[in-house]
Structures are given as C-alpha cells and as structure tokens.
Amino acid sequence: MHSYEGESYERREHDMMYTTMTVIQWGQHMGGWGGWGMGFGWLLILVILALVVWAVVRATTSGRAGSGGSSRNGAEELLREQYARGEIDEDTFHRRRDELRRE
C-alpha cells in the first residue's frame, strides 16, 4: 500500500491515473472481459467438445441390441401382444419370454 503523506496532489493524481489506465488497457487486451474472456472461451470449447463426444457415444451405442434393454423390452412387448391376441398359447409365451430374458 502506498502512503501519500508529504506528497503533492499532482503526484497522487498521477498515480491514480496510471493505475486506472493500466486496468483499462489490461481489460482491452483480454477481449474487454478483464481476463475472464479467455476463461469463458475455453469453457465454451470444452462444453461443445463434451456435447460432441456425448452425441457420438449415444449414436453408436443406441442401435445395439446388447447395449441396453430397449430392444429386449420391445421384443417382450411384441410377445405379450401376440399372446393377448391369441396367436400363441401360454406355454409358448412363457418359453419365449424366458429365452428373451436369458439373452
């Protein structure tokens, strides 16, 4: 901390102007954000990169039968509908359902 005892008014005014100009110039060199602009830029790049990776992973794994229960649930639902319409008997329904659940 600088003490201004015994110094002239002009000296204090000069120091304050110099400090103000330094802060303004630093902010302009950092995109007007005072240093935060670069941080937000990197953050935006990382968020976009994470979204791209997430989209690629989701697109490549969602179509696989073994990756989740969605296709198994669909096949089991179709089996239930066939049983409800009377297309298959109870023994066939249970046997096929058990086969689906084993996979």
PDB file of N, CA and C in Angstrom:
ATOM      1  N   MET A   1       0.852  -1.174   0.000  1.00  0.00           N
ATOM      2  CA  MET A   1       0.000   0.000   0.000  1.00  0.00           C
ATOM      3  C   MET A   1       0.891   1.228   0.000  1.00  0.00           C
ATOM      4  N   HIS A   2       0.518   2.182  -0.765  1.00  0.00           N
ATOM      5  CA  HIS A   2       1.318   3.397  -0.924  1.00  0.00           C
ATOM      6  C   HIS A   2       0.790   4.492  -0.019  1.00  0.00           C
ATOM      7  N   SER A   3       1.685   5.129   0.676  1.00  0.00           N
ATOM      8  CA  SER A   3       1.298   6.231   1.553  1.00  0.00           C
ATOM      9  C   SER A   3       1.589   7.544   0.848  1.00  0.00           C
ATOM     10  N   TYR A   4       0.630   8.458   0.911  1.00  0.00           N
ATOM     11  CA  TYR A   4       0.769   9.736   0.222  1.00  0.00           C
ATOM     12  C   TYR A   4       1.110  10.883   1.158  1.00  0.00           C
ATOM     13  N   GLU A   5       1.573  10.606   2.360  1.00  0.00           N
ATOM     14  CA  GLU A   5       1.926  11.678   3.285  1.00  0.00           C
ATOM     15  C   GLU A   5       3.097  12.477   2.744  1.00  0.00           C
ATOM     16  N   GLY A   6       2.944  13.759   2.709  1.00  0.00           N
ATOM     17  CA  GLY A   6       4.000  14.649   2.285  1.00  0.00           C
ATOM     18  C   GLY A   6       4.183  14.746   0.786  1.00  0.00           C
ATOM     19  N   GLU A   7       3.363  14.039  -0.004  1.00  0.00           N
ATOM     20  CA  GLU A   7       3.480  14.124  -1.450  1.00  0.00           C
ATOM     21  C   GLU A   7       2.464  15.123  -1.990  1.00  0.00           C
ATOM     22  N   SER A   8       2.727  15.606  -3.146  1.00  0.00           N
ATOM     23  CA  SER A   8       1.850  16.617  -3.724  1.00  0.00           C
ATOM     24  C   SER A   8       0.583  15.978  -4.295  1.00  0.00           C
ATOM     25  N   TYR A   9      -0.393  16.848  -4.470  1.00  0.00           N
ATOM     26  CA  TYR A   9      -1.666  16.423  -5.047  1.00  0.00           C
ATOM     27  C   TYR A   9      -1.445  15.888  -6.453  1.00  0.00           C
ATOM     28  N   GLU A  10      -0.542  16.528  -7.204  1.00  0.00           N
ATOM     29  CA  GLU A  10      -0.272  16.117  -8.574  1.00  0.00           C
ATOM     30  C   GLU A  10       0.296  14.694  -8.626  1.00  0.00           C
ATOM     31  N   ARG A  11       1.143  14.371  -7.669  1.00  0.00           N
ATOM     32  CA  ARG A  11       1.732  13.036  -7.622  1.00  0.00           C
ATOM     33  C   ARG A  11       0.651  11.981  -7.374  1.00  0.00           C
ATOM     34  N   ARG A  12      -0.256  12.260  -6.433  1.00  0.00           N
ATOM     35  CA  ARG A  12      -1.357  11.314  -6.158  1.00  0.00           C
ATOM     36  C   ARG A  12      -2.264  11.173  -7.367  1.00  0.00           C
ATOM     37  N   GLU A  13      -2.551  12.279  -8.018  1.00  0.00           N
ATOM     38  CA  GLU A  13      -3.411  12.248  -9.199  1.00  0.00           C
ATOM     39  C   GLU A  13      -2.747  11.436 -10.309  1.00  0.00           C
ATOM     40  N   HIS A  14      -1.456  11.622 -10.480  1.00  0.00           N
ATOM     41  CA  HIS A  14      -0.706  10.875 -11.491  1.00  0.00           C
ATOM     42  C   HIS A  14      -0.770   9.372 -11.216  1.00  0.00           C
ATOM     43  N   ASP A  15      -0.557   8.980  -9.975  1.00  0.00           N
ATOM     44  CA  ASP A  15      -0.595   7.564  -9.613  1.00  0.00           C
ATOM     45  C   ASP A  15      -1.975   6.953  -9.857  1.00  0.00           C
ATOM     46  N   MET A  16      -3.012   7.693  -9.524  1.00  0.00           N
ATOM     47  CA  MET A  16      -4.377   7.190  -9.731  1.00  0.00           C
ATOM     48  C   MET A  16      -4.674   7.051 -11.216  1.00  0.00           C
ATOM     49  N   MET A  17      -4.258   8.001 -12.040  1.00  0.00           N
ATOM     50  CA  MET A  17      -4.484   7.934 -13.480  1.00  0.00           C
ATOM     51  C   MET A  17      -3.714   6.757 -14.088  1.00  0.00           C
ATOM     52  N   TYR A  18      -2.471   6.565 -13.635  1.00  0.00           N
ATOM     53  CA  TYR A  18      -1.657   5.472 -14.138  1.00  0.00           C
ATOM     54  C   TYR A  18      -2.315   4.128 -13.812  1.00  0.00           C
ATOM     55  N   THR A  19      -2.802   3.974 -12.610  1.00  0.00           N
ATOM     56  CA  THR A  19      -3.462   2.734 -12.200  1.00  0.00           C
ATOM     57  C   THR A  19      -4.726   2.503 -13.019  1.00  0.00           C
ATOM     58  N   THR A  20      -5.508   3.543 -13.206  1.00  0.00           N
ATOM     59  CA  THR A  20      -6.751   3.429 -13.981  1.00  0.00           C
ATOM     60  C   THR A  20      -6.448   3.038 -15.416  1.00  0.00           C
ATOM     61  N   MET A  21      -5.471   3.676 -16.035  1.00  0.00           N
ATOM     62  CA  MET A  21      -5.132   3.371 -17.419  1.00  0.00           C
ATOM     63  C   MET A  21      -4.587   1.949 -17.555  1.00  0.00           C
ATOM     64  N   THR A  22      -3.819   1.510 -16.592  1.00  0.00           N
ATOM     65  CA  THR A  22      -3.287   0.149 -16.629  1.00  0.00           C
ATOM     66  C   THR A  22      -4.419  -0.873 -16.582  1.00  0.00           C
ATOM     67  N   VAL A  23      -5.391  -0.655 -15.716  1.00  0.00           N
ATOM     68  CA  VAL A  23      -6.527  -1.570 -15.611  1.00  0.00           C
ATOM     69  C   VAL A  23      -7.339  -1.574 -16.893  1.00  0.00           C
ATOM     70  N   ILE A  24      -7.567  -0.411 -17.482  1.00  0.00           N
ATOM     71  CA  ILE A  24      -8.344  -0.324 -18.728  1.00  0.00           C
ATOM     72  C   ILE A  24      -7.609  -1.035 -19.849  1.00  0.00           C
ATOM     73  N   GLN A  25      -6.315  -0.790 -19.978  1.00  0.00           N
ATOM     74  CA  GLN A  25      -5.545  -1.432 -21.044  1.00  0.00           C
ATOM     75  C   GLN A  25      -5.506  -2.947 -20.862  1.00  0.00           C
ATOM     76  N   TRP A  26      -5.355  -3.410 -19.655  1.00  0.00           N
ATOM     77  CA  TRP A  26      -5.343  -4.851 -19.396  1.00  0.00           C
ATOM     78  C   TRP A  26      -6.669  -5.469 -19.808  1.00  0.00           C
ATOM     79  N   GLY A  27      -7.750  -4.800 -19.506  1.00  0.00           N
ATOM     80  CA  GLY A  27      -9.065  -5.297 -19.891  1.00  0.00           C
ATOM     81  C   GLY A  27      -9.241  -5.346 -21.391  1.00  0.00           C
ATOM     82  N   GLN A  28      -8.699  -4.368 -22.117  1.00  0.00           N
ATOM     83  CA  GLN A  28      -8.820  -4.359 -23.571  1.00  0.00           C
ATOM     84  C   GLN A  28      -7.991  -5.466 -24.207  1.00  0.00           C
ATOM     85  N   HIS A  29      -6.840  -5.751 -23.637  1.00  0.00           N
ATOM     86  CA  HIS A  29      -6.009  -6.816 -24.185  1.00  0.00           C
ATOM     87  C   HIS A  29      -6.628  -8.189 -23.943  1.00  0.00           C
ATOM     88  N   MET A  30      -7.474  -8.309 -22.975  1.00  0.00           N
ATOM     89  CA  MET A  30      -8.121  -9.579 -22.672  1.00  0.00           C
ATOM     90  C   MET A  30      -9.517  -9.645 -23.268  1.00  0.00           C
ATOM     91  N   GLY A  31      -9.745  -8.964 -24.353  1.00  0.00           N
ATOM     92  CA  GLY A  31     -11.026  -9.024 -25.035  1.00  0.00           C
ATOM     93  C   GLY A  31     -12.098  -8.204 -24.356  1.00  0.00           C
ATOM     94  N   GLY A  32     -11.735  -7.274 -23.506  1.00  0.00           N
ATOM     95  CA  GLY A  32     -12.719  -6.444 -22.846  1.00  0.00           C
ATOM     96  C   GLY A  32     -13.365  -7.098 -21.638  1.00  0.00           C
ATOM     97  N   TRP A  33     -12.979  -8.306 -21.346  1.00  0.00           N
ATOM     98  CA  TRP A  33     -13.578  -9.048 -20.227  1.00  0.00           C
ATOM     99  C   TRP A  33     -12.697  -9.002 -18.986  1.00  0.00           C
ATOM    100  N   GLY A  34     -11.570  -8.321 -19.058  1.00  0.00           N
ATOM    101  CA  GLY A  34     -10.693  -8.243 -17.907  1.00  0.00           C
ATOM    102  C   GLY A  34     -10.081  -9.583 -17.540  1.00  0.00           C
ATOM    103  N   GLY A  35      -9.764 -10.411 -18.526  1.00  0.00           N
ATOM    104  CA  GLY A  35      -9.159 -11.705 -18.256  1.00  0.00           C
ATOM    105  C   GLY A  35     -10.164 -12.842 -18.231  1.00  0.00           C
ATOM    106  N   TRP A  36     -11.410 -12.542 -18.037  1.00  0.00           N
ATOM    107  CA  TRP A  36     -12.439 -13.590 -17.973  1.00  0.00           C
ATOM    108  C   TRP A  36     -12.803 -14.093 -19.361  1.00  0.00           C
ATOM    109  N   GLY A  37     -12.572 -13.283 -20.385  1.00  0.00           N
ATOM    110  CA  GLY A  37     -12.938 -13.675 -21.745  1.00  0.00           C
ATOM    111  C   GLY A  37     -12.256 -14.942 -22.193  1.00  0.00           C
ATOM    112  N   MET A  38     -10.982 -15.062 -21.898  1.00  0.00           N
ATOM    113  CA  MET A  38     -10.255 -16.273 -22.287  1.00  0.00           C
ATOM    114  C   MET A  38     -10.777 -17.489 -21.530  1.00  0.00           C
ATOM    115  N   GLY A  39     -11.092 -17.322 -20.275  1.00  0.00           N
ATOM    116  CA  GLY A  39     -11.624 -18.436 -19.484  1.00  0.00           C
ATOM    117  C   GLY A  39     -12.963 -18.920 -20.001  1.00  0.00           C
ATOM    118  N   PHE A  40     -13.837 -17.975 -20.356  1.00  0.00           N
ATOM    119  CA  PHE A  40     -15.144 -18.362 -20.897  1.00  0.00           C
ATOM    120  C   PHE A  40     -14.993 -18.992 -22.274  1.00  0.00           C
ATOM    121  N   GLY A  41     -14.019 -18.533 -23.036  1.00  0.00           N
ATOM    122  CA  GLY A  41     -13.777 -19.128 -24.350  1.00  0.00           C
ATOM    123  C   GLY A  41     -13.375 -20.590 -24.234  1.00  0.00           C
ATOM    124  N   TRP A  42     -12.441 -20.880 -23.325  1.00  0.00           N
ATOM    125  CA  TRP A  42     -12.020 -22.263 -23.112  1.00  0.00           C
ATOM    126  C   TRP A  42     -13.161 -23.104 -22.569  1.00  0.00           C
ATOM    127  N   LEU A  43     -13.949 -22.526 -21.687  1.00  0.00           N
ATOM    128  CA  LEU A  43     -15.090 -23.254 -21.133  1.00  0.00           C
ATOM    129  C   LEU A  43     -16.093 -23.599 -22.231  1.00  0.00           C
ATOM    130  N   LEU A  44     -16.343 -22.656 -23.124  1.00  0.00           N
ATOM    131  CA  LEU A  44     -17.271 -22.899 -24.232  1.00  0.00           C
ATOM    132  C   LEU A  44     -16.742 -24.003 -25.140  1.00  0.00           C
ATOM    133  N   ILE A  45     -15.459 -23.987 -25.429  1.00  0.00           N
ATOM    134  CA  ILE A  45     -14.866 -25.024 -26.268  1.00  0.00           C
ATOM    135  C   ILE A  45     -15.001 -26.392 -25.601  1.00  0.00           C
ATOM    136  N   LEU A  46     -14.745 -26.467 -24.307  1.00  0.00           N
ATOM    137  CA  LEU A  46     -14.859 -27.743 -23.593  1.00  0.00           C
ATOM    138  C   LEU A  46     -16.297 -28.248 -23.561  1.00  0.00           C
ATOM    139  N   VAL A  47     -17.260 -27.347 -23.381  1.00  0.00           N
ATOM    140  CA  VAL A  47     -18.668 -27.756 -23.369  1.00  0.00           C
ATOM    141  C   VAL A  47     -19.080 -28.292 -24.731  1.00  0.00           C
ATOM    142  N   ILE A  48     -18.680 -27.619 -25.792  1.00  0.00           N
ATOM    143  CA  ILE A  48     -19.023 -28.079 -27.142  1.00  0.00           C
ATOM    144  C   ILE A  48     -18.368 -29.431 -27.419  1.00  0.00           C
ATOM    145  N   LEU A  49     -17.109 -29.578 -27.030  1.00  0.00           N
ATOM    146  CA  LEU A  49     -16.417 -30.854 -27.222  1.00  0.00           C
ATOM    147  C   LEU A  49     -17.103 -31.982 -26.453  1.00  0.00           C
ATOM    148  N   ALA A  50     -17.518 -31.711 -25.225  1.00  0.00           N
ATOM    149  CA  ALA A  50     -18.216 -32.719 -24.426  1.00  0.00           C
ATOM    150  C   ALA A  50     -19.545 -33.107 -25.073  1.00  0.00           C
ATOM    151  N   LEU A  51     -20.259 -32.137 -25.627  1.00  0.00           N
ATOM    152  CA  LEU A  51     -21.525 -32.440 -26.301  1.00  0.00           C
ATOM    153  C   LEU A  51     -21.311 -33.300 -27.543  1.00  0.00           C
ATOM    154  N   VAL A  52     -20.258 -33.018 -28.292  1.00  0.00           N
ATOM    155  CA  VAL A  52     -19.962 -33.818 -29.484  1.00  0.00           C
ATOM    156  C   VAL A  52     -19.624 -35.252 -29.087  1.00  0.00           C
ATOM    157  N   VAL A  53     -18.796 -35.422 -28.073  1.00  0.00           N
ATOM    158  CA  VAL A  53     -18.435 -36.766 -27.611  1.00  0.00           C
ATOM    159  C   VAL A  53     -19.673 -37.506 -27.126  1.00  0.00           C
ATOM    160  N   TRP A  54     -20.511 -36.832 -26.350  1.00  0.00           N
ATOM    161  CA  TRP A  54     -21.743 -37.456 -25.853  1.00  0.00           C
ATOM    162  C   TRP A  54     -22.637 -37.890 -27.008  1.00  0.00           C
ATOM    163  N   ALA A  55     -22.793 -37.032 -28.029  1.00  0.00           N
ATOM    164  CA  ALA A  55     -23.657 -37.364 -29.163  1.00  0.00           C
ATOM    165  C   ALA A  55     -23.117 -38.557 -29.941  1.00  0.00           C
ATOM    166  N   VAL A  56     -21.803 -38.617 -30.128  1.00  0.00           N
ATOM    167  CA  VAL A  56     -21.203 -39.739 -30.859  1.00  0.00           C
ATOM    168  C   VAL A  56     -21.374 -41.036 -30.075  1.00  0.00           C
ATOM    169  N   VAL A  57     -21.120 -40.997 -28.790  1.00  0.00           N
ATOM    170  CA  VAL A  57     -21.268 -42.200 -27.964  1.00  0.00           C
ATOM    171  C   VAL A  57     -22.719 -42.671 -27.959  1.00  0.00           C
ATOM    172  N   ARG A  58     -23.623 -41.752 -27.827  1.00  0.00           N
ATOM    173  CA  ARG A  58     -25.039 -42.119 -27.801  1.00  0.00           C
ATOM    174  C   ARG A  58     -25.493 -42.693 -29.144  1.00  0.00           C
ATOM    175  N   ALA A  59     -25.023 -42.099 -30.238  1.00  0.00           N
ATOM    176  CA  ALA A  59     -25.418 -42.577 -31.567  1.00  0.00           C
ATOM    177  C   ALA A  59     -24.853 -43.960 -31.862  1.00  0.00           C
ATOM    178  N   THR A  60     -23.662 -44.245 -31.376  1.00  0.00           N
ATOM    179  CA  THR A  60     -23.052 -45.538 -31.684  1.00  0.00           C
ATOM    180  C   THR A  60     -23.534 -46.654 -30.777  1.00  0.00           C
ATOM    181  N   THR A  61     -24.023 -46.335 -29.593  1.00  0.00           N
ATOM    182  CA  THR A  61     -24.455 -47.405 -28.679  1.00  0.00           C
ATOM    183  C   THR A  61     -25.957 -47.605 -28.651  1.00  0.00           C
ATOM    184  N   SER A  62     -26.749 -46.678 -29.158  1.00  0.00           N
ATOM    185  CA  SER A  62     -28.201 -46.811 -29.034  1.00  0.00           C
ATOM    186  C   SER A  62     -28.777 -47.862 -29.972  1.00  0.00           C
ATOM    187  N   GLY A  63     -28.084 -48.186 -31.070  1.00  0.00           N
ATOM    188  CA  GLY A  63     -28.621 -49.148 -32.020  1.00  0.00           C
ATOM    189  C   GLY A  63     -28.273 -50.591 -31.710  1.00  0.00           C
ATOM    190  N   ARG A  64     -27.440 -50.843 -30.741  1.00  0.00           N
ATOM    191  CA  ARG A  64     -27.023 -52.206 -30.428  1.00  0.00           C
ATOM    192  C   ARG A  64     -28.051 -52.914 -29.564  1.00  0.00           C
ATOM    193  N   ALA A  65     -28.284 -54.184 -29.856  1.00  0.00           N
ATOM    194  CA  ALA A  65     -29.271 -54.938 -29.084  1.00  0.00           C
ATOM    195  C   ALA A  65     -28.775 -55.244 -27.685  1.00  0.00           C
ATOM    196  N   GLY A  66     -27.490 -55.517 -27.536  1.00  0.00           N
ATOM    197  CA  GLY A  66     -26.961 -55.890 -26.242  1.00  0.00           C
ATOM    198  C   GLY A  66     -26.607 -54.706 -25.358  1.00  0.00           C
ATOM    199  N   SER A  67     -26.720 -53.496 -25.874  1.00  0.00           N
ATOM    200  CA  SER A  67     -26.268 -52.340 -25.110  1.00  0.00           C
ATOM    201  C   SER A  67     -27.269 -51.890 -24.067  1.00  0.00           C
ATOM    202  N   GLY A  68     -28.497 -52.283 -24.223  1.00  0.00           N
ATOM    203  CA  GLY A  68     -29.495 -51.857 -23.250  1.00  0.00           C
ATOM    204  C   GLY A  68     -30.705 -52.741 -23.328  1.00  0.00           C
ATOM    205  N   GLY A  69     -31.699 -52.435 -22.555  1.00  0.00           N
ATOM    206  CA  GLY A  69     -32.884 -53.258 -22.526  1.00  0.00           C
ATOM    207  C   GLY A  69     -33.970 -52.815 -23.478  1.00  0.00           C
ATOM    208  N   SER A  70     -33.729 -51.800 -24.290  1.00  0.00           N
ATOM    209  CA  SER A  70     -34.805 -51.268 -25.120  1.00  0.00           C
ATOM    210  C   SER A  70     -35.283 -52.263 -26.165  1.00  0.00           C
ATOM    211  N   SER A  71     -34.366 -52.958 -26.873  1.00  0.00           N
ATOM    212  CA  SER A  71     -34.804 -53.919 -27.884  1.00  0.00           C
ATOM    213  C   SER A  71     -35.394 -55.158 -27.225  1.00  0.00           C
ATOM    214  N   ARG A  72     -34.846 -55.543 -26.085  1.00  0.00           N
ATOM    215  CA  ARG A  72     -35.386 -56.691 -25.357  1.00  0.00           C
ATOM    216  C   ARG A  72     -36.806 -56.379 -24.884  1.00  0.00           C
ATOM    217  N   ASN A  73     -36.989 -55.173 -24.356  1.00  0.00           N
ATOM    218  CA  ASN A  73     -38.325 -54.784 -23.909  1.00  0.00           C
ATOM    219  C   ASN A  73     -39.301 -54.730 -25.073  1.00  0.00           C
ATOM    220  N   GLY A  74     -38.816 -54.289 -26.234  1.00  0.00           N
ATOM    221  CA  GLY A  74     -39.678 -54.252 -27.418  1.00  0.00           C
ATOM    222  C   GLY A  74     -40.086 -55.644 -27.853  1.00  0.00           C
ATOM    223  N   ALA A  75     -39.150 -56.583 -27.819  1.00  0.00           N
ATOM    224  CA  ALA A  75     -39.454 -57.965 -28.213  1.00  0.00           C
ATOM    225  C   ALA A  75     -40.414 -58.603 -27.216  1.00  0.00           C
ATOM    226  N   GLU A  76     -40.208 -58.318 -25.953  1.00  0.00           N
ATOM    227  CA  GLU A  76     -41.102 -58.867 -24.936  1.00  0.00           C
ATOM    228  C   GLU A  76     -42.506 -58.267 -25.064  1.00  0.00           C
ATOM    229  N   GLU A  77     -42.571 -56.997 -25.407  1.00  0.00           N
ATOM    230  CA  GLU A  77     -43.877 -56.348 -25.607  1.00  0.00           C
ATOM    231  C   GLU A  77     -44.601 -56.978 -26.794  1.00  0.00           C
ATOM    232  N   LEU A  78     -43.864 -57.231 -27.868  1.00  0.00           N
ATOM    233  CA  LEU A  78     -44.455 -57.889 -29.035  1.00  0.00           C
ATOM    234  C   LEU A  78     -44.957 -59.287 -28.668  1.00  0.00           C
ATOM    235  N   LEU A  79     -44.197 -60.006 -27.869  1.00  0.00           N
ATOM    236  CA  LEU A  79     -44.596 -61.333 -27.411  1.00  0.00           C
ATOM    237  C   LEU A  79     -45.886 -61.259 -26.596  1.00  0.00           C
ATOM    238  N   ARG A  80     -45.980 -60.253 -25.724  1.00  0.00           N
ATOM    239  CA  ARG A  80     -47.213 -60.075 -24.931  1.00  0.00           C
ATOM    240  C   ARG A  80     -48.421 -59.797 -25.829  1.00  0.00           C
ATOM    241  N   GLU A  81     -48.205 -58.988 -26.855  1.00  0.00           N
ATOM    242  CA  GLU A  81     -49.301 -58.674 -27.781  1.00  0.00           C
ATOM    243  C   GLU A  81     -49.764 -59.928 -28.529  1.00  0.00           C
ATOM    244  N   GLN A  82     -48.799 -60.747 -28.950  1.00  0.00           N
ATOM    245  CA  GLN A  82     -49.164 -61.991 -29.636  1.00  0.00           C
ATOM    246  C   GLN A  82     -49.977 -62.900 -28.721  1.00  0.00           C
ATOM    247  N   TYR A  83     -49.574 -62.976 -27.475  1.00  0.00           N
ATOM    248  CA  TYR A  83     -50.295 -63.800 -26.508  1.00  0.00           C
ATOM    249  C   TYR A  83     -51.692 -63.226 -26.262  1.00  0.00           C
ATOM    250  N   ALA A  84     -51.794 -61.913 -26.158  1.00  0.00           N
ATOM    251  CA  ALA A  84     -53.095 -61.281 -25.905  1.00  0.00           C
ATOM    252  C   ALA A  84     -54.048 -61.474 -27.082  1.00  0.00           C
ATOM    253  N   ARG A  85     -53.520 -61.505 -28.302  1.00  0.00           N
ATOM    254  CA  ARG A  85     -54.375 -61.707 -29.478  1.00  0.00           C
ATOM    255  C   ARG A  85     -54.717 -63.184 -29.693  1.00  0.00           C
ATOM    256  N   GLY A  86     -54.074 -64.045 -28.920  1.00  0.00           N
ATOM    257  CA  GLY A  86     -54.354 -65.472 -29.049  1.00  0.00           C
ATOM    258  C   GLY A  86     -53.534 -66.153 -30.125  1.00  0.00           C
ATOM    259  N   GLU A  87     -52.518 -65.499 -30.626  1.00  0.00           N
ATOM    260  CA  GLU A  87     -51.690 -66.077 -31.680  1.00  0.00           C
ATOM    261  C   GLU A  87     -50.766 -67.174 -31.142  1.00  0.00           C
ATOM    262  N   ILE A  88     -50.405 -67.106 -29.868  1.00  0.00           N
ATOM    263  CA  ILE A  88     -49.572 -68.136 -29.249  1.00  0.00           C
ATOM    264  C   ILE A  88     -50.228 -68.562 -27.939  1.00  0.00           C
ATOM    265  N   ASP A  89     -49.947 -69.805 -27.530  1.00  0.00           N
ATOM    266  CA  ASP A  89     -50.530 -70.289 -26.277  1.00  0.00           C
ATOM    267  C   ASP A  89     -49.643 -69.897 -25.094  1.00  0.00           C
ATOM    268  N   GLU A  90     -50.101 -70.215 -23.879  1.00  0.00           N
ATOM    269  CA  GLU A  90     -49.409 -69.797 -22.663  1.00  0.00           C
ATOM    270  C   GLU A  90     -48.031 -70.431 -22.536  1.00  0.00           C
ATOM    271  N   ASP A  91     -47.910 -71.712 -22.872  1.00  0.00           N
ATOM    272  CA  ASP A  91     -46.602 -72.382 -22.778  1.00  0.00           C
ATOM    273  C   ASP A  91     -45.582 -71.746 -23.721  1.00  0.00           C
ATOM    274  N   THR A  92     -46.014 -71.441 -24.949  1.00  0.00           N
ATOM    275  CA  THR A  92     -45.122 -70.794 -25.926  1.00  0.00           C
ATOM    276  C   THR A  92     -44.718 -69.414 -25.432  1.00  0.00           C
ATOM    277  N   PHE A  93     -45.674 -68.675 -24.876  1.00  0.00           N
ATOM    278  CA  PHE A  93     -45.382 -67.341 -24.348  1.00  0.00           C
ATOM    279  C   PHE A  93     -44.300 -67.405 -23.272  1.00  0.00           C
ATOM    280  N   HIS A  94     -44.484 -68.312 -22.284  1.00  0.00           N
ATOM    281  CA  HIS A  94     -43.524 -68.417 -21.186  1.00  0.00           C
ATOM    282  C   HIS A  94     -42.149 -68.885 -21.677  1.00  0.00           C
ATOM    283  N   ARG A  95     -42.135 -69.823 -22.597  1.00  0.00           N
ATOM    284  CA  ARG A  95     -40.863 -70.328 -23.107  1.00  0.00           C
ATOM    285  C   ARG A  95     -40.102 -69.229 -23.849  1.00  0.00           C
ATOM    286  N   ARG A  96     -40.776 -68.506 -24.730  1.00  0.00           N
ATOM    287  CA  ARG A  96     -40.117 -67.429 -25.485  1.00  0.00           C
ATOM    288  C   ARG A  96     -39.703 -66.267 -24.578  1.00  0.00           C
ATOM    289  N   ARG A  97     -40.546 -65.946 -23.606  1.00  0.00           N
ATOM    290  CA  ARG A  97     -40.206 -64.870 -22.672  1.00  0.00           C
ATOM    291  C   ARG A  97     -38.951 -65.221 -21.879  1.00  0.00           C
ATOM    292  N   ASP A  98     -38.868 -66.485 -21.428  1.00  0.00           N
ATOM    293  CA  ASP A  98     -37.683 -66.922 -20.689  1.00  0.00           C
ATOM    294  C   ASP A  98     -36.436 -66.883 -21.562  1.00  0.00           C
ATOM    295  N   GLU A  99     -36.580 -67.219 -22.846  1.00  0.00           N
ATOM    296  CA  GLU A  99     -35.444 -67.138 -23.774  1.00  0.00           C
ATOM    297  C   GLU A  99     -34.977 -65.696 -23.950  1.00  0.00           C
ATOM    298  N   LEU A 100     -35.925 -64.776 -24.046  1.00  0.00           N
ATOM    299  CA  LEU A 100     -35.566 -63.370 -24.187  1.00  0.00           C
ATOM    300  C   LEU A 100     -34.844 -62.852 -22.935  1.00  0.00           C
ATOM    301  N   ARG A 101     -35.280 -63.257 -21.800  1.00  0.00           N
ATOM    302  CA  ARG A 101     -34.683 -62.774 -20.563  1.00  0.00           C
ATOM    303  C   ARG A 101     -33.297 -63.376 -20.310  1.00  0.00           C
ATOM    304  N   ARG A 102     -33.017 -64.521 -20.915  1.00  0.00           N
ATOM    305  CA  ARG A 102     -31.703 -65.142 -20.749  1.00  0.00           C
ATOM    306  C   ARG A 102     -30.637 -64.436 -21.572  1.00  0.00           C
ATOM    307  N   GLU A 103     -31.001 -63.807 -22.643  1.00  0.00           N
ATOM    308  CA  GLU A 103     -30.037 -63.154 -23.548  1.00  0.00           C
ATOM    309  C   GLU A 103     -29.369 -61.968 -22.936  1.00  0.00           C
TER     310      GLU A 103
END
